[in-house]
Amino acid sequence: MNYKLNSMPIQIATEPYLNRRTNDLLITELNDVDDELMGWIKEAAAFSAAK
């Protein structure tokens, strides 16, 4: 992913390879999983599957 998620506080963000990031975030409530986060997860999964 080439961008940061705006609605969630990222705990740890790293770029182990060029244009490949890992992001750790803390989800404490079901309400933390919103449409933006789900879209971000789906996009990340599609990116990973294409590699």
N, C-alpha and C. Protein backbone atom coordinates (compact mmCIF):
# COMPACT_ATOMS: atom_id res chain seq x y z
N MET A 1 0.84 -1.17 0.00
CA MET A 1 0.00 0.00 0.00
C MET A 1 0.89 1.24 0.00
N ASN A 2 0.54 2.16 -0.80
CA ASN A 2 1.35 3.37 -0.92
C ASN A 2 0.83 4.53 -0.10
N TYR A 3 -0.13 4.28 0.74
CA TYR A 3 -0.69 5.36 1.54
C TYR A 3 -1.09 4.86 2.91
N LYS A 4 -1.30 5.80 3.79
CA LYS A 4 -1.65 5.49 5.17
C LYS A 4 -3.16 5.59 5.36
N LEU A 5 -3.70 4.74 6.19
CA LEU A 5 -5.12 4.78 6.52
C LEU A 5 -5.38 5.99 7.42
N ASN A 6 -6.34 6.81 7.08
CA ASN A 6 -6.57 8.06 7.81
C ASN A 6 -7.39 7.91 9.08
N SER A 7 -8.34 6.99 9.10
CA SER A 7 -9.26 6.93 10.22
C SER A 7 -8.76 6.10 11.40
N MET A 8 -7.69 5.35 11.22
CA MET A 8 -7.19 4.49 12.29
C MET A 8 -5.78 4.91 12.69
N PRO A 9 -5.50 4.90 13.98
CA PRO A 9 -4.13 5.20 14.40
C PRO A 9 -3.23 3.99 14.16
N ILE A 10 -2.26 4.16 13.30
CA ILE A 10 -1.30 3.10 13.00
C ILE A 10 -0.29 3.05 14.15
N GLN A 11 -0.12 1.88 14.76
CA GLN A 11 0.81 1.72 15.87
C GLN A 11 2.25 1.64 15.35
N ILE A 12 2.46 0.81 14.33
CA ILE A 12 3.78 0.61 13.75
C ILE A 12 3.61 0.52 12.24
N ALA A 13 4.40 1.28 11.51
CA ALA A 13 4.39 1.22 10.05
C ALA A 13 5.83 1.06 9.57
N THR A 14 6.05 0.05 8.75
CA THR A 14 7.40 -0.18 8.22
C THR A 14 7.30 -0.39 6.71
N GLU A 15 8.41 -0.21 6.02
CA GLU A 15 8.50 -0.47 4.59
C GLU A 15 9.68 -1.41 4.37
N PRO A 16 9.46 -2.73 4.58
CA PRO A 16 10.57 -3.68 4.47
C PRO A 16 11.11 -3.81 3.05
N TYR A 17 10.26 -3.55 2.05
CA TYR A 17 10.65 -3.56 0.65
C TYR A 17 10.05 -2.32 -0.01
N LEU A 18 10.60 -1.89 -1.10
CA LEU A 18 10.11 -0.73 -1.81
C LEU A 18 8.63 -0.90 -2.17
N ASN A 19 7.83 0.06 -1.76
CA ASN A 19 6.38 0.08 -2.01
C ASN A 19 5.63 -1.11 -1.40
N ARG A 20 6.21 -1.74 -0.39
CA ARG A 20 5.50 -2.79 0.36
C ARG A 20 5.59 -2.43 1.82
N ARG A 21 4.47 -2.19 2.41
CA ARG A 21 4.43 -1.73 3.79
C ARG A 21 3.72 -2.74 4.68
N THR A 22 4.13 -2.73 5.93
CA THR A 22 3.38 -3.45 6.96
C THR A 22 2.87 -2.40 7.93
N ASN A 23 1.65 -2.57 8.37
CA ASN A 23 1.02 -1.62 9.29
C ASN A 23 0.36 -2.39 10.41
N ASP A 24 0.69 -2.06 11.62
CA ASP A 24 0.06 -2.66 12.79
C ASP A 24 -0.88 -1.64 13.40
N LEU A 25 -2.11 -2.05 13.60
CA LEU A 25 -3.06 -1.17 14.26
C LEU A 25 -3.85 -1.96 15.29
N LEU A 26 -4.31 -1.27 16.30
CA LEU A 26 -5.03 -1.91 17.39
C LEU A 26 -6.52 -1.72 17.19
N ILE A 27 -7.23 -2.82 17.07
CA ILE A 27 -8.69 -2.80 16.96
C ILE A 27 -9.24 -3.30 18.28
N THR A 28 -9.96 -2.44 18.99
CA THR A 28 -10.47 -2.80 20.31
C THR A 28 -11.98 -2.99 20.34
N GLU A 29 -12.66 -2.48 19.31
CA GLU A 29 -14.11 -2.60 19.25
C GLU A 29 -14.53 -2.93 17.82
N LEU A 30 -15.67 -3.55 17.69
CA LEU A 30 -16.19 -3.87 16.37
C LEU A 30 -16.38 -2.61 15.54
N ASN A 31 -16.73 -1.51 16.18
CA ASN A 31 -16.93 -0.24 15.48
C ASN A 31 -15.64 0.29 14.86
N ASP A 32 -14.49 -0.21 15.30
CA ASP A 32 -13.21 0.20 14.71
C ASP A 32 -13.08 -0.30 13.27
N VAL A 33 -13.81 -1.35 12.94
CA VAL A 33 -13.76 -1.92 11.59
C VAL A 33 -14.83 -1.22 10.75
N ASP A 34 -14.40 -0.17 10.06
CA ASP A 34 -15.34 0.61 9.26
C ASP A 34 -15.12 0.33 7.77
N ASP A 35 -15.87 1.01 6.93
CA ASP A 35 -15.78 0.79 5.49
C ASP A 35 -14.40 1.13 4.95
N GLU A 36 -13.77 2.17 5.49
CA GLU A 36 -12.43 2.54 5.02
C GLU A 36 -11.43 1.43 5.33
N LEU A 37 -11.48 0.89 6.54
CA LEU A 37 -10.56 -0.18 6.91
C LEU A 37 -10.80 -1.42 6.06
N MET A 38 -12.04 -1.80 5.86
CA MET A 38 -12.33 -2.99 5.05
C MET A 38 -11.88 -2.80 3.60
N GLY A 39 -12.06 -1.62 3.06
CA GLY A 39 -11.59 -1.34 1.71
C GLY A 39 -10.08 -1.44 1.63
N TRP A 40 -9.40 -0.93 2.66
CA TRP A 40 -7.95 -0.96 2.74
C TRP A 40 -7.45 -2.41 2.81
N ILE A 41 -8.11 -3.23 3.60
CA ILE A 41 -7.74 -4.64 3.73
C ILE A 41 -7.93 -5.37 2.40
N LYS A 42 -9.06 -5.14 1.75
CA LYS A 42 -9.32 -5.78 0.45
C LYS A 42 -8.30 -5.35 -0.60
N GLU A 43 -7.97 -4.06 -0.61
CA GLU A 43 -6.98 -3.57 -1.56
C GLU A 43 -5.60 -4.17 -1.28
N ALA A 44 -5.24 -4.30 -0.02
CA ALA A 44 -3.96 -4.89 0.35
C ALA A 44 -3.92 -6.37 -0.04
N ALA A 45 -5.02 -7.07 0.16
CA ALA A 45 -5.08 -8.49 -0.20
C ALA A 45 -4.94 -8.67 -1.71
N ALA A 46 -5.61 -7.82 -2.48
CA ALA A 46 -5.52 -7.90 -3.94
C ALA A 46 -4.11 -7.57 -4.41
N PHE A 47 -3.47 -6.58 -3.81
CA PHE A 47 -2.10 -6.22 -4.15
C PHE A 47 -1.17 -7.40 -3.87
N SER A 48 -1.34 -8.01 -2.71
CA SER A 48 -0.48 -9.13 -2.32
C SER A 48 -0.69 -10.33 -3.24
N ALA A 49 -1.94 -10.59 -3.61
CA ALA A 49 -2.24 -11.74 -4.46
C ALA A 49 -1.67 -11.55 -5.87
N ALA A 50 -1.54 -10.30 -6.31
CA ALA A 50 -1.04 -10.01 -7.65
C ALA A 50 0.47 -10.13 -7.74
N LYS A 51 1.16 -10.17 -6.61
CA LYS A 51 2.64 -10.22 -6.60
C LYS A 51 3.15 -11.62 -6.75
